[in-house]
Amino acid sequence: MADQTDDLVTIPVDGIELEGELTLTDSATGLVVFAHGSGSSRKSPRNKFVAEMLETHDLGTLLFDLLTEKEDRTYETRFDIDRLTTRLLATTEWLRQREETRAMNLGYFGSSTGAAAALRAAARRGDDIGAVVSRGGRVDLASEQLPAVKAATLFIVGGADTDVLDLNREGLTELTCTKELEVIEDAGHLFEGPGELEEVADLAVAWFERALLDCG
């Protein structure tokens, strides 16, 4: 396995600094940026599990806080998708300014409201983003931007998460890019059942490997 570096980073955005964890290997050419859902953070155990799986397949990861601790205490701020999108776009630009990440193939992994921010940001960045994976995503909060997404996009939804599943099925029809919907049978919104999160990670790894590592 290639040598791996784990760095705590601070990302300057909107006059504040967001904290993050950037993990790279010497040979990684793809990097997945995580956008967590409302009420969560870069320390989300579910996202960290997926990130660790990606890292074992020579994909870099960035887990970072979309909001400061103070901002996250406000319910309305957690659902401020415009703000979350702006933060994700600024973080993407920050990666493009760093010598070790500027040339990497970028992807987004978004959960819940973070998936809406990921899709909106992907629509704005165009061909700069190679892939998006949404886990239990509130894709309806990005509905107007979905036709502009160029990145290969995978929606992963639990079969028991019926309301979100309906929203994802509807959102899938709005996408014009390479797209798929994977339903994990009987899983709820948090994929807490035996083997469910592992299945999410396996699907994400395969999607990002194909889109970020096989593209050049």
N, C-alpha and C. Protein backbone atom coordinates (compact mmCIF):
# COMPACT_ATOMS: atom_id res chain seq x y z
N MET A 1 0.85 -1.20 0.00
CA MET A 1 0.00 0.00 0.00
C MET A 1 0.87 1.25 0.00
N ALA A 2 0.48 2.30 -0.73
CA ALA A 2 1.25 3.53 -0.82
C ALA A 2 1.30 4.23 0.53
N ASP A 3 2.37 5.04 0.74
CA ASP A 3 2.48 5.82 1.97
C ASP A 3 1.33 6.81 2.05
N GLN A 4 0.78 6.96 3.26
CA GLN A 4 -0.39 7.81 3.46
C GLN A 4 -0.06 8.93 4.43
N THR A 5 -0.54 10.12 4.12
CA THR A 5 -0.38 11.25 5.02
C THR A 5 -1.75 11.76 5.45
N ASP A 6 -1.89 12.06 6.74
CA ASP A 6 -3.12 12.59 7.29
C ASP A 6 -2.81 13.96 7.89
N ASP A 7 -3.43 14.99 7.34
CA ASP A 7 -3.14 16.35 7.79
C ASP A 7 -4.40 17.03 8.31
N LEU A 8 -4.30 17.67 9.47
CA LEU A 8 -5.35 18.56 9.93
C LEU A 8 -5.15 19.89 9.21
N VAL A 9 -6.20 20.39 8.58
CA VAL A 9 -6.09 21.61 7.78
C VAL A 9 -7.14 22.62 8.22
N THR A 10 -6.87 23.87 7.93
CA THR A 10 -7.86 24.93 8.13
C THR A 10 -8.11 25.58 6.77
N ILE A 11 -9.38 25.74 6.45
CA ILE A 11 -9.79 26.24 5.14
C ILE A 11 -10.43 27.61 5.33
N PRO A 12 -9.81 28.66 4.79
CA PRO A 12 -10.37 30.01 4.95
C PRO A 12 -11.57 30.23 4.02
N VAL A 13 -12.71 30.55 4.62
CA VAL A 13 -13.95 30.77 3.87
C VAL A 13 -14.75 31.87 4.56
N ASP A 14 -15.22 32.84 3.81
CA ASP A 14 -16.13 33.86 4.35
C ASP A 14 -15.58 34.53 5.61
N GLY A 15 -14.27 34.73 5.67
CA GLY A 15 -13.70 35.39 6.83
C GLY A 15 -13.56 34.52 8.06
N ILE A 16 -13.84 33.22 7.92
CA ILE A 16 -13.69 32.27 9.03
C ILE A 16 -12.76 31.15 8.57
N GLU A 17 -12.48 30.22 9.47
CA GLU A 17 -11.67 29.06 9.12
C GLU A 17 -12.44 27.80 9.46
N LEU A 18 -12.57 26.92 8.48
CA LEU A 18 -13.23 25.63 8.68
C LEU A 18 -12.16 24.57 8.90
N GLU A 19 -12.40 23.66 9.82
CA GLU A 19 -11.43 22.62 10.12
C GLU A 19 -11.70 21.38 9.28
N GLY A 20 -10.61 20.74 8.88
CA GLY A 20 -10.75 19.55 8.04
C GLY A 20 -9.62 18.55 8.26
N GLU A 21 -9.82 17.38 7.68
CA GLU A 21 -8.82 16.31 7.73
C GLU A 21 -8.58 15.84 6.29
N LEU A 22 -7.38 16.11 5.79
CA LEU A 22 -7.01 15.77 4.42
C LEU A 22 -6.09 14.56 4.44
N THR A 23 -6.51 13.49 3.75
CA THR A 23 -5.74 12.25 3.70
C THR A 23 -5.37 11.96 2.26
N LEU A 24 -4.07 11.80 2.00
CA LEU A 24 -3.57 11.54 0.66
C LEU A 24 -2.55 10.41 0.70
N THR A 25 -2.43 9.70 -0.41
CA THR A 25 -1.33 8.77 -0.58
C THR A 25 -0.41 9.31 -1.68
N ASP A 26 0.80 8.77 -1.72
CA ASP A 26 1.78 9.25 -2.69
C ASP A 26 1.30 9.08 -4.13
N SER A 27 0.50 8.05 -4.36
CA SER A 27 0.12 7.72 -5.74
C SER A 27 -1.33 8.07 -6.07
N ALA A 28 -2.06 8.65 -5.13
CA ALA A 28 -3.48 8.95 -5.37
C ALA A 28 -3.63 10.03 -6.44
N THR A 29 -4.50 9.77 -7.40
CA THR A 29 -4.82 10.77 -8.43
C THR A 29 -6.25 11.27 -8.29
N GLY A 30 -7.04 10.62 -7.44
CA GLY A 30 -8.41 11.03 -7.20
C GLY A 30 -8.61 11.44 -5.75
N LEU A 31 -9.47 12.42 -5.53
CA LEU A 31 -9.74 12.95 -4.19
C LEU A 31 -11.24 13.14 -4.02
N VAL A 32 -11.78 12.61 -2.93
CA VAL A 32 -13.21 12.73 -2.65
C VAL A 32 -13.42 13.71 -1.49
N VAL A 33 -14.22 14.73 -1.74
CA VAL A 33 -14.54 15.74 -0.74
C VAL A 33 -15.90 15.40 -0.14
N PHE A 34 -15.96 15.31 1.18
CA PHE A 34 -17.19 14.93 1.87
C PHE A 34 -17.98 16.16 2.31
N ALA A 35 -19.28 16.13 2.04
CA ALA A 35 -20.20 17.18 2.49
C ALA A 35 -21.24 16.52 3.39
N HIS A 36 -21.10 16.72 4.69
CA HIS A 36 -21.96 16.02 5.64
C HIS A 36 -23.34 16.67 5.72
N GLY A 37 -24.25 15.95 6.35
CA GLY A 37 -25.62 16.42 6.47
C GLY A 37 -25.84 17.30 7.68
N SER A 38 -27.05 17.82 7.82
CA SER A 38 -27.39 18.72 8.91
C SER A 38 -27.18 18.03 10.26
N GLY A 39 -26.62 18.78 11.20
CA GLY A 39 -26.40 18.27 12.53
C GLY A 39 -25.21 17.34 12.65
N SER A 40 -24.47 17.18 11.57
CA SER A 40 -23.30 16.31 11.58
C SER A 40 -22.04 17.15 11.43
N SER A 41 -20.89 16.47 11.31
CA SER A 41 -19.62 17.17 11.19
C SER A 41 -18.61 16.27 10.50
N ARG A 42 -17.39 16.74 10.40
CA ARG A 42 -16.34 15.93 9.77
C ARG A 42 -16.06 14.67 10.58
N LYS A 43 -16.53 14.63 11.82
CA LYS A 43 -16.30 13.47 12.68
C LYS A 43 -17.41 12.42 12.58
N SER A 44 -18.33 12.61 11.65
CA SER A 44 -19.40 11.65 11.43
C SER A 44 -18.83 10.24 11.28
N PRO A 45 -19.22 9.29 12.14
CA PRO A 45 -18.67 7.94 12.04
C PRO A 45 -19.03 7.26 10.73
N ARG A 46 -20.18 7.58 10.17
CA ARG A 46 -20.57 6.96 8.90
C ARG A 46 -19.70 7.46 7.75
N ASN A 47 -19.49 8.77 7.70
CA ASN A 47 -18.64 9.30 6.64
C ASN A 47 -17.18 8.88 6.82
N LYS A 48 -16.73 8.81 8.07
CA LYS A 48 -15.35 8.38 8.32
C LYS A 48 -15.15 6.93 7.87
N PHE A 49 -16.18 6.11 8.07
CA PHE A 49 -16.08 4.72 7.63
C PHE A 49 -15.94 4.64 6.11
N VAL A 50 -16.77 5.40 5.41
CA VAL A 50 -16.70 5.41 3.94
C VAL A 50 -15.35 5.97 3.49
N ALA A 51 -14.89 7.03 4.15
CA ALA A 51 -13.61 7.63 3.79
C ALA A 51 -12.47 6.62 3.94
N GLU A 52 -12.48 5.87 5.02
CA GLU A 52 -11.42 4.88 5.24
C GLU A 52 -11.44 3.80 4.17
N MET A 53 -12.62 3.43 3.72
CA MET A 53 -12.70 2.44 2.64
C MET A 53 -12.14 3.02 1.34
N LEU A 54 -12.44 4.28 1.06
CA LEU A 54 -11.91 4.92 -0.14
C LEU A 54 -10.38 4.99 -0.09
N GLU A 55 -9.87 5.29 1.10
CA GLU A 55 -8.42 5.42 1.25
C GLU A 55 -7.69 4.11 1.00
N THR A 56 -8.32 2.99 1.34
CA THR A 56 -7.68 1.69 1.08
C THR A 56 -7.63 1.38 -0.41
N HIS A 57 -8.38 2.13 -1.20
CA HIS A 57 -8.36 1.95 -2.65
C HIS A 57 -7.61 3.10 -3.33
N ASP A 58 -6.71 3.72 -2.59
CA ASP A 58 -5.82 4.75 -3.14
C ASP A 58 -6.55 6.00 -3.62
N LEU A 59 -7.64 6.33 -2.93
CA LEU A 59 -8.34 7.58 -3.18
C LEU A 59 -8.11 8.52 -1.99
N GLY A 60 -7.74 9.76 -2.28
CA GLY A 60 -7.61 10.73 -1.22
C GLY A 60 -8.98 11.16 -0.71
N THR A 61 -9.03 11.70 0.51
CA THR A 61 -10.30 12.17 1.08
C THR A 61 -10.08 13.49 1.82
N LEU A 62 -11.13 14.29 1.83
CA LEU A 62 -11.18 15.50 2.66
C LEU A 62 -12.49 15.49 3.42
N LEU A 63 -12.39 15.35 4.73
CA LEU A 63 -13.53 15.49 5.62
C LEU A 63 -13.40 16.86 6.30
N PHE A 64 -14.40 17.71 6.15
CA PHE A 64 -14.30 19.04 6.74
C PHE A 64 -15.66 19.51 7.24
N ASP A 65 -15.62 20.49 8.12
CA ASP A 65 -16.85 21.05 8.69
C ASP A 65 -17.39 22.14 7.77
N LEU A 66 -18.62 21.97 7.32
CA LEU A 66 -19.25 22.99 6.48
C LEU A 66 -19.66 24.21 7.30
N LEU A 67 -19.87 24.02 8.60
CA LEU A 67 -20.28 25.10 9.49
C LEU A 67 -19.37 25.15 10.70
N THR A 68 -19.25 26.31 11.30
CA THR A 68 -18.55 26.41 12.58
C THR A 68 -19.45 25.82 13.67
N GLU A 69 -18.88 25.57 14.85
CA GLU A 69 -19.68 25.04 15.95
C GLU A 69 -20.83 25.97 16.30
N LYS A 70 -20.57 27.27 16.29
CA LYS A 70 -21.61 28.25 16.61
C LYS A 70 -22.72 28.21 15.58
N GLU A 71 -22.35 28.17 14.30
CA GLU A 71 -23.36 28.15 13.24
C GLU A 71 -24.20 26.88 13.31
N ASP A 72 -23.57 25.78 13.68
CA ASP A 72 -24.27 24.49 13.69
C ASP A 72 -25.30 24.40 14.81
N ARG A 73 -25.25 25.31 15.76
CA ARG A 73 -26.24 25.29 16.84
C ARG A 73 -27.58 25.86 16.39
N THR A 74 -27.60 26.52 15.24
CA THR A 74 -28.82 27.14 14.73
C THR A 74 -29.47 26.23 13.69
N TYR A 75 -30.72 25.83 13.95
CA TYR A 75 -31.41 24.89 13.07
C TYR A 75 -31.51 25.43 11.65
N GLU A 76 -31.85 26.71 11.51
CA GLU A 76 -32.04 27.29 10.18
C GLU A 76 -30.74 27.25 9.37
N THR A 77 -29.61 27.47 10.04
CA THR A 77 -28.32 27.49 9.35
C THR A 77 -27.99 26.11 8.78
N ARG A 78 -28.37 25.08 9.50
CA ARG A 78 -28.10 23.72 9.02
C ARG A 78 -28.77 23.43 7.69
N PHE A 79 -29.88 24.12 7.42
CA PHE A 79 -30.61 23.91 6.17
C PHE A 79 -30.42 25.07 5.20
N ASP A 80 -29.39 25.88 5.44
CA ASP A 80 -29.07 26.98 4.53
C ASP A 80 -28.21 26.40 3.40
N ILE A 81 -28.88 25.84 2.40
CA ILE A 81 -28.17 25.13 1.34
C ILE A 81 -27.28 26.07 0.53
N ASP A 82 -27.71 27.32 0.38
CA ASP A 82 -26.88 28.29 -0.33
C ASP A 82 -25.54 28.47 0.39
N ARG A 83 -25.59 28.58 1.72
CA ARG A 83 -24.36 28.75 2.48
C ARG A 83 -23.49 27.49 2.39
N LEU A 84 -24.10 26.32 2.53
CA LEU A 84 -23.34 25.07 2.44
C LEU A 84 -22.68 24.93 1.07
N THR A 85 -23.40 25.30 0.04
CA THR A 85 -22.86 25.21 -1.32
C THR A 85 -21.69 26.17 -1.50
N THR A 86 -21.85 27.39 -1.00
CA THR A 86 -20.77 28.37 -1.09
C THR A 86 -19.52 27.88 -0.38
N ARG A 87 -19.70 27.25 0.78
CA ARG A 87 -18.56 26.73 1.53
C ARG A 87 -17.88 25.59 0.75
N LEU A 88 -18.68 24.72 0.15
CA LEU A 88 -18.11 23.61 -0.60
C LEU A 88 -17.37 24.10 -1.84
N LEU A 89 -17.92 25.10 -2.52
CA LEU A 89 -17.26 25.67 -3.69
C LEU A 89 -15.94 26.34 -3.29
N ALA A 90 -15.94 27.06 -2.18
CA ALA A 90 -14.71 27.71 -1.72
C ALA A 90 -13.66 26.68 -1.33
N THR A 91 -14.09 25.59 -0.74
CA THR A 91 -13.16 24.52 -0.37
C THR A 91 -12.59 23.85 -1.60
N THR A 92 -13.42 23.68 -2.62
CA THR A 92 -12.95 23.11 -3.88
C THR A 92 -11.89 24.01 -4.51
N GLU A 93 -12.12 25.31 -4.48
CA GLU A 93 -11.14 26.25 -5.03
C GLU A 93 -9.86 26.22 -4.20
N TRP A 94 -10.00 26.08 -2.89
CA TRP A 94 -8.83 25.97 -2.01
C TRP A 94 -7.99 24.75 -2.39
N LEU A 95 -8.64 23.63 -2.69
CA LEU A 95 -7.91 22.44 -3.13
C LEU A 95 -7.20 22.69 -4.46
N ARG A 96 -7.84 23.44 -5.33
CA ARG A 96 -7.25 23.74 -6.64
C ARG A 96 -6.05 24.70 -6.54
N GLN A 97 -5.91 25.35 -5.40
CA GLN A 97 -4.78 26.26 -5.20
C GLN A 97 -3.59 25.58 -4.52
N ARG A 98 -3.82 24.39 -3.96
CA ARG A 98 -2.75 23.67 -3.25
C ARG A 98 -1.95 22.82 -4.23
N GLU A 99 -0.66 22.85 -4.09
CA GLU A 99 0.20 22.17 -5.05
C GLU A 99 -0.08 20.67 -5.13
N GLU A 100 -0.31 20.04 -3.97
CA GLU A 100 -0.46 18.59 -3.96
C GLU A 100 -1.84 18.11 -4.41
N THR A 101 -2.82 19.02 -4.52
CA THR A 101 -4.17 18.59 -4.89
C THR A 101 -4.70 19.28 -6.15
N ARG A 102 -4.00 20.26 -6.67
CA ARG A 102 -4.56 21.07 -7.76
C ARG A 102 -4.84 20.27 -9.02
N ALA A 103 -4.08 19.21 -9.26
CA ALA A 103 -4.26 18.43 -10.50
C ALA A 103 -5.06 17.15 -10.29
N MET A 104 -5.56 16.91 -9.08
CA MET A 104 -6.26 15.66 -8.80
C MET A 104 -7.67 15.67 -9.39
N ASN A 105 -8.16 14.49 -9.74
CA ASN A 105 -9.54 14.32 -10.17
C ASN A 105 -10.43 14.38 -8.93
N LEU A 106 -11.39 15.30 -8.91
CA LEU A 106 -12.20 15.54 -7.72
C LEU A 106 -13.58 14.92 -7.82
N GLY A 107 -14.06 14.42 -6.68
CA GLY A 107 -15.42 13.94 -6.55
C GLY A 107 -16.02 14.43 -5.25
N TYR A 108 -17.35 14.41 -5.16
CA TYR A 108 -18.06 14.79 -3.94
C TYR A 108 -18.84 13.60 -3.40
N PHE A 109 -18.81 13.43 -2.07
CA PHE A 109 -19.68 12.47 -1.40
C PHE A 109 -20.55 13.27 -0.44
N GLY A 110 -21.85 13.32 -0.70
CA GLY A 110 -22.75 14.12 0.10
C GLY A 110 -23.80 13.29 0.81
N SER A 111 -24.10 13.66 2.05
CA SER A 111 -25.12 12.97 2.84
C SER A 111 -26.22 13.95 3.22
N SER A 112 -27.48 13.52 3.11
CA SER A 112 -28.62 14.32 3.53
C SER A 112 -28.57 15.70 2.86
N THR A 113 -28.57 16.79 3.66
CA THR A 113 -28.52 18.13 3.07
C THR A 113 -27.18 18.38 2.38
N GLY A 114 -26.13 17.71 2.84
CA GLY A 114 -24.82 17.85 2.20
C GLY A 114 -24.84 17.38 0.76
N ALA A 115 -25.72 16.42 0.45
CA ALA A 115 -25.83 15.96 -0.93
C ALA A 115 -26.39 17.05 -1.82
N ALA A 116 -27.32 17.85 -1.30
CA ALA A 116 -27.85 18.97 -2.08
C ALA A 116 -26.75 19.97 -2.38
N ALA A 117 -25.92 20.26 -1.38
CA ALA A 117 -24.79 21.17 -1.59
C ALA A 117 -23.81 20.59 -2.61
N ALA A 118 -23.56 19.29 -2.53
CA ALA A 118 -22.63 18.63 -3.46
C ALA A 118 -23.15 18.72 -4.89
N LEU A 119 -24.42 18.49 -5.09
CA LEU A 119 -25.00 18.54 -6.43
C LEU A 119 -25.01 19.96 -6.98
N ARG A 120 -25.34 20.92 -6.13
CA ARG A 120 -25.32 22.32 -6.57
C ARG A 120 -23.90 22.75 -6.94
N ALA A 121 -22.94 22.35 -6.11
CA ALA A 121 -21.55 22.72 -6.38
C ALA A 121 -21.05 22.04 -7.64
N ALA A 122 -21.42 20.78 -7.84
CA ALA A 122 -21.02 20.07 -9.06
C ALA A 122 -21.59 20.75 -10.29
N ALA A 123 -22.82 21.21 -10.20
CA ALA A 123 -23.42 21.92 -11.33
C ALA A 123 -22.64 23.19 -11.66
N ARG A 124 -22.17 23.88 -10.61
CA ARG A 124 -21.40 25.12 -10.81
C ARG A 124 -20.01 24.85 -11.36
N ARG A 125 -19.38 23.77 -10.90
CA ARG A 125 -17.99 23.49 -11.29
C ARG A 125 -17.89 22.78 -12.64
N GLY A 126 -18.99 22.26 -13.13
CA GLY A 126 -18.98 21.64 -14.46
C GLY A 126 -18.05 20.44 -14.55
N ASP A 127 -17.19 20.42 -15.56
CA ASP A 127 -16.31 19.28 -15.81
C ASP A 127 -15.22 19.13 -14.77
N ASP A 128 -15.08 20.09 -13.86
CA ASP A 128 -14.04 20.00 -12.84
C ASP A 128 -14.33 18.89 -11.83
N ILE A 129 -15.59 18.50 -11.68
CA ILE A 129 -15.98 17.45 -10.75
C ILE A 129 -16.32 16.19 -11.54
N GLY A 130 -15.60 15.11 -11.24
CA GLY A 130 -15.76 13.90 -12.04
C GLY A 130 -16.89 12.99 -11.58
N ALA A 131 -17.25 13.05 -10.29
CA ALA A 131 -18.27 12.13 -9.78
C ALA A 131 -18.90 12.68 -8.52
N VAL A 132 -20.16 12.33 -8.32
CA VAL A 132 -20.90 12.65 -7.10
C VAL A 132 -21.58 11.38 -6.60
N VAL A 133 -21.46 11.12 -5.30
CA VAL A 133 -22.23 10.05 -4.67
C VAL A 133 -23.07 10.69 -3.57
N SER A 134 -24.35 10.40 -3.58
CA SER A 134 -25.28 10.91 -2.58
C SER A 134 -25.78 9.76 -1.72
N ARG A 135 -25.61 9.87 -0.39
CA ARG A 135 -26.11 8.86 0.54
C ARG A 135 -27.32 9.43 1.29
N GLY A 136 -28.48 8.87 1.02
CA GLY A 136 -29.69 9.37 1.67
C GLY A 136 -29.87 10.86 1.45
N GLY A 137 -29.60 11.31 0.24
CA GLY A 137 -29.52 12.73 -0.03
C GLY A 137 -30.86 13.43 -0.19
N ARG A 138 -30.93 14.67 0.28
CA ARG A 138 -32.08 15.53 0.04
C ARG A 138 -31.87 16.22 -1.31
N VAL A 139 -31.91 15.41 -2.35
CA VAL A 139 -31.60 15.90 -3.69
C VAL A 139 -32.65 16.88 -4.19
N ASP A 140 -33.84 16.87 -3.56
CA ASP A 140 -34.88 17.83 -3.95
C ASP A 140 -34.45 19.26 -3.67
N LEU A 141 -33.52 19.45 -2.73
CA LEU A 141 -33.05 20.80 -2.40
C LEU A 141 -32.06 21.33 -3.43
N ALA A 142 -31.78 20.52 -4.44
CA ALA A 142 -30.93 20.95 -5.56
C ALA A 142 -31.64 20.75 -6.89
N SER A 143 -32.95 20.63 -6.85
CA SER A 143 -33.71 20.21 -8.04
C SER A 143 -33.48 21.12 -9.25
N GLU A 144 -33.40 22.44 -9.03
CA GLU A 144 -33.25 23.36 -10.16
C GLU A 144 -31.89 23.23 -10.83
N GLN A 145 -30.87 22.74 -10.07
CA GLN A 145 -29.53 22.63 -10.63
C GLN A 145 -29.23 21.25 -11.21
N LEU A 146 -30.08 20.27 -10.98
CA LEU A 146 -29.78 18.90 -11.40
C LEU A 146 -29.50 18.77 -12.90
N PRO A 147 -30.25 19.43 -13.78
CA PRO A 147 -29.97 19.27 -15.21
C PRO A 147 -28.59 19.76 -15.63
N ALA A 148 -27.96 20.61 -14.81
CA ALA A 148 -26.65 21.16 -15.16
C ALA A 148 -25.49 20.31 -14.64
N VAL A 149 -25.77 19.28 -13.86
CA VAL A 149 -24.71 18.44 -13.31
C VAL A 149 -24.10 17.59 -14.43
N LYS A 150 -22.78 17.67 -14.58
CA LYS A 150 -22.08 16.87 -15.59
C LYS A 150 -21.38 15.66 -14.99
N ALA A 151 -21.13 15.69 -13.69
CA ALA A 151 -20.41 14.61 -13.03
C ALA A 151 -21.24 13.33 -13.01
N ALA A 152 -20.59 12.19 -13.17
CA ALA A 152 -21.28 10.91 -13.03
C ALA A 152 -21.85 10.82 -11.61
N THR A 153 -23.14 10.58 -11.50
CA THR A 153 -23.84 10.74 -10.22
C THR A 153 -24.54 9.45 -9.80
N LEU A 154 -24.26 9.05 -8.55
CA LEU A 154 -24.87 7.85 -7.96
C LEU A 154 -25.69 8.25 -6.75
N PHE A 155 -26.97 7.90 -6.74
CA PHE A 155 -27.83 8.07 -5.58
C PHE A 155 -27.92 6.73 -4.84
N ILE A 156 -27.63 6.73 -3.54
CA ILE A 156 -27.78 5.54 -2.70
C ILE A 156 -28.82 5.86 -1.64
N VAL A 157 -29.87 5.04 -1.59
CA VAL A 157 -30.99 5.31 -0.68
C VAL A 157 -31.41 4.00 -0.02
N GLY A 158 -31.82 4.09 1.23
CA GLY A 158 -32.35 2.93 1.93
C GLY A 158 -33.78 2.63 1.48
N GLY A 159 -34.08 1.37 1.31
CA GLY A 159 -35.42 0.99 0.86
C GLY A 159 -36.52 1.37 1.84
N ALA A 160 -36.18 1.45 3.13
CA ALA A 160 -37.17 1.82 4.14
C ALA A 160 -37.28 3.32 4.33
N ASP A 161 -36.40 4.07 3.68
CA ASP A 161 -36.42 5.54 3.75
C ASP A 161 -37.30 6.05 2.62
N THR A 162 -38.61 5.75 2.72
CA THR A 162 -39.50 5.85 1.57
C THR A 162 -39.66 7.27 1.03
N ASP A 163 -39.74 8.26 1.92
CA ASP A 163 -39.92 9.64 1.44
C ASP A 163 -38.70 10.10 0.65
N VAL A 164 -37.51 9.83 1.19
CA VAL A 164 -36.28 10.23 0.50
C VAL A 164 -36.11 9.42 -0.78
N LEU A 165 -36.52 8.18 -0.76
CA LEU A 165 -36.43 7.35 -1.96
C LEU A 165 -37.29 7.94 -3.08
N ASP A 166 -38.49 8.37 -2.74
CA ASP A 166 -39.35 9.00 -3.75
C ASP A 166 -38.69 10.26 -4.32
N LEU A 167 -38.08 11.07 -3.44
CA LEU A 167 -37.41 12.29 -3.89
C LEU A 167 -36.23 11.96 -4.81
N ASN A 168 -35.51 10.90 -4.49
CA ASN A 168 -34.37 10.52 -5.31
C ASN A 168 -34.80 9.97 -6.66
N ARG A 169 -35.87 9.22 -6.68
CA ARG A 169 -36.38 8.72 -7.96
C ARG A 169 -36.80 9.87 -8.86
N GLU A 170 -37.43 10.86 -8.26
CA GLU A 170 -37.84 12.03 -9.04
C GLU A 170 -36.62 12.82 -9.50
N GLY A 171 -35.64 12.99 -8.60
CA GLY A 171 -34.44 13.74 -8.95
C GLY A 171 -33.64 13.07 -10.05
N LEU A 172 -33.64 11.74 -10.05
CA LEU A 172 -32.87 11.00 -11.06
C LEU A 172 -33.35 11.35 -12.47
N THR A 173 -34.64 11.57 -12.61
CA THR A 173 -35.18 11.90 -13.94
C THR A 173 -34.73 13.26 -14.43
N GLU A 174 -34.30 14.15 -13.50
CA GLU A 174 -33.85 15.48 -13.87
C GLU A 174 -32.39 15.51 -14.31
N LEU A 175 -31.64 14.48 -13.94
CA LEU A 175 -30.23 14.43 -14.29
C LEU A 175 -30.06 14.04 -15.76
N THR A 176 -29.11 14.67 -16.43
CA THR A 176 -28.82 14.35 -17.83
C THR A 176 -27.43 13.72 -17.98
N CYS A 177 -26.71 13.57 -16.86
CA CYS A 177 -25.37 13.00 -16.87
C CYS A 177 -25.45 11.48 -16.72
N THR A 178 -24.30 10.81 -16.69
CA THR A 178 -24.25 9.40 -16.31
C THR A 178 -24.82 9.28 -14.90
N LYS A 179 -25.76 8.37 -14.67
CA LYS A 179 -26.47 8.35 -13.39
C LYS A 179 -26.96 6.96 -13.06
N GLU A 180 -27.07 6.68 -11.75
CA GLU A 180 -27.65 5.43 -11.28
C GLU A 180 -28.28 5.67 -9.91
N LEU A 181 -29.28 4.84 -9.60
CA LEU A 181 -29.90 4.83 -8.28
C LEU A 181 -29.75 3.43 -7.71
N GLU A 182 -29.12 3.33 -6.54
CA GLU A 182 -28.97 2.05 -5.85
C GLU A 182 -29.80 2.08 -4.58
N VAL A 183 -30.69 1.11 -4.43
CA VAL A 183 -31.54 1.02 -3.25
C VAL A 183 -31.07 -0.14 -2.39
N ILE A 184 -30.73 0.15 -1.14
CA ILE A 184 -30.29 -0.89 -0.21
C ILE A 184 -31.52 -1.36 0.56
N GLU A 185 -31.92 -2.58 0.27
CA GLU A 185 -33.18 -3.12 0.77
C GLU A 185 -33.27 -3.05 2.28
N ASP A 186 -34.40 -2.57 2.77
CA ASP A 186 -34.75 -2.49 4.20
C ASP A 186 -33.94 -1.49 5.00
N ALA A 187 -32.99 -0.81 4.39
CA ALA A 187 -32.17 0.16 5.13
C ALA A 187 -32.95 1.43 5.41
N GLY A 188 -32.69 2.03 6.57
CA GLY A 188 -33.27 3.31 6.91
C GLY A 188 -32.36 4.45 6.50
N HIS A 189 -32.67 5.64 6.97
CA HIS A 189 -31.94 6.83 6.52
C HIS A 189 -30.47 6.80 6.93
N LEU A 190 -30.15 6.18 8.07
CA LEU A 190 -28.78 6.20 8.57
C LEU A 190 -28.00 4.93 8.26
N PHE A 191 -28.61 3.97 7.59
CA PHE A 191 -27.92 2.73 7.19
C PHE A 191 -27.24 2.08 8.40
N GLU A 192 -28.03 1.88 9.45
CA GLU A 192 -27.48 1.37 10.70
C GLU A 192 -27.56 -0.15 10.82
N GLY A 193 -28.26 -0.83 9.90
CA GLY A 193 -28.40 -2.27 9.98
C GLY A 193 -27.12 -3.00 9.63
N PRO A 194 -27.03 -4.28 9.97
CA PRO A 194 -25.83 -5.07 9.69
C PRO A 194 -25.49 -5.06 8.21
N GLY A 195 -24.27 -4.66 7.90
CA GLY A 195 -23.78 -4.70 6.53
C GLY A 195 -24.25 -3.58 5.63
N GLU A 196 -25.15 -2.72 6.11
CA GLU A 196 -25.72 -1.69 5.23
C GLU A 196 -24.70 -0.60 4.89
N LEU A 197 -23.97 -0.13 5.90
CA LEU A 197 -22.98 0.91 5.62
C LEU A 197 -21.83 0.34 4.78
N GLU A 198 -21.51 -0.91 5.00
CA GLU A 198 -20.48 -1.56 4.17
C GLU A 198 -20.90 -1.58 2.71
N GLU A 199 -22.20 -1.83 2.47
CA GLU A 199 -22.69 -1.82 1.10
C GLU A 199 -22.62 -0.43 0.50
N VAL A 200 -22.94 0.59 1.30
CA VAL A 200 -22.79 1.98 0.84
C VAL A 200 -21.35 2.24 0.43
N ALA A 201 -20.42 1.84 1.28
CA ALA A 201 -19.00 2.08 1.01
C ALA A 201 -18.54 1.34 -0.24
N ASP A 202 -18.97 0.11 -0.40
CA ASP A 202 -18.58 -0.66 -1.59
C ASP A 202 -19.08 0.00 -2.87
N LEU A 203 -20.32 0.47 -2.83
CA LEU A 203 -20.89 1.14 -4.00
C LEU A 203 -20.14 2.44 -4.30
N ALA A 204 -19.83 3.20 -3.25
CA ALA A 204 -19.11 4.46 -3.43
C ALA A 204 -17.71 4.22 -3.98
N VAL A 205 -17.01 3.23 -3.44
CA VAL A 205 -15.66 2.92 -3.91
C VAL A 205 -15.68 2.58 -5.39
N ALA A 206 -16.59 1.71 -5.79
CA ALA A 206 -16.66 1.30 -7.19
C ALA A 206 -16.98 2.48 -8.10
N TRP A 207 -17.87 3.36 -7.65
CA TRP A 207 -18.27 4.51 -8.46
C TRP A 207 -17.11 5.49 -8.63
N PHE A 208 -16.45 5.82 -7.53
CA PHE A 208 -15.37 6.78 -7.60
C PHE A 208 -14.15 6.20 -8.32
N GLU A 209 -13.88 4.92 -8.13
CA GLU A 209 -12.77 4.30 -8.86
C GLU A 209 -12.98 4.41 -10.37
N ARG A 210 -14.19 4.11 -10.78
CA ARG A 210 -14.50 4.14 -12.21
C ARG A 210 -14.42 5.58 -12.76
N ALA A 211 -14.93 6.54 -12.00
CA ALA A 211 -15.03 7.91 -12.52
C ALA A 211 -13.76 8.73 -12.31
N LEU A 212 -13.03 8.47 -11.23
CA LEU A 212 -11.87 9.32 -10.89
C LEU A 212 -10.54 8.69 -11.21
N LEU A 213 -10.47 7.36 -11.24
CA LEU A 213 -9.19 6.70 -11.45
C LEU A 213 -9.05 6.12 -12.86
N ASP A 214 -10.16 5.95 -13.55
CA ASP A 214 -10.10 5.35 -14.87
C ASP A 214 -10.31 6.37 -15.99
N CYS A 215 -10.11 7.65 -15.65
CA CYS A 215 -10.47 8.69 -16.60
C CYS A 215 -9.26 9.29 -17.31
N GLY A 216 -8.12 8.69 -17.16
CA GLY A 216 -7.03 9.31 -17.87
C GLY A 216 -5.84 8.44 -18.01
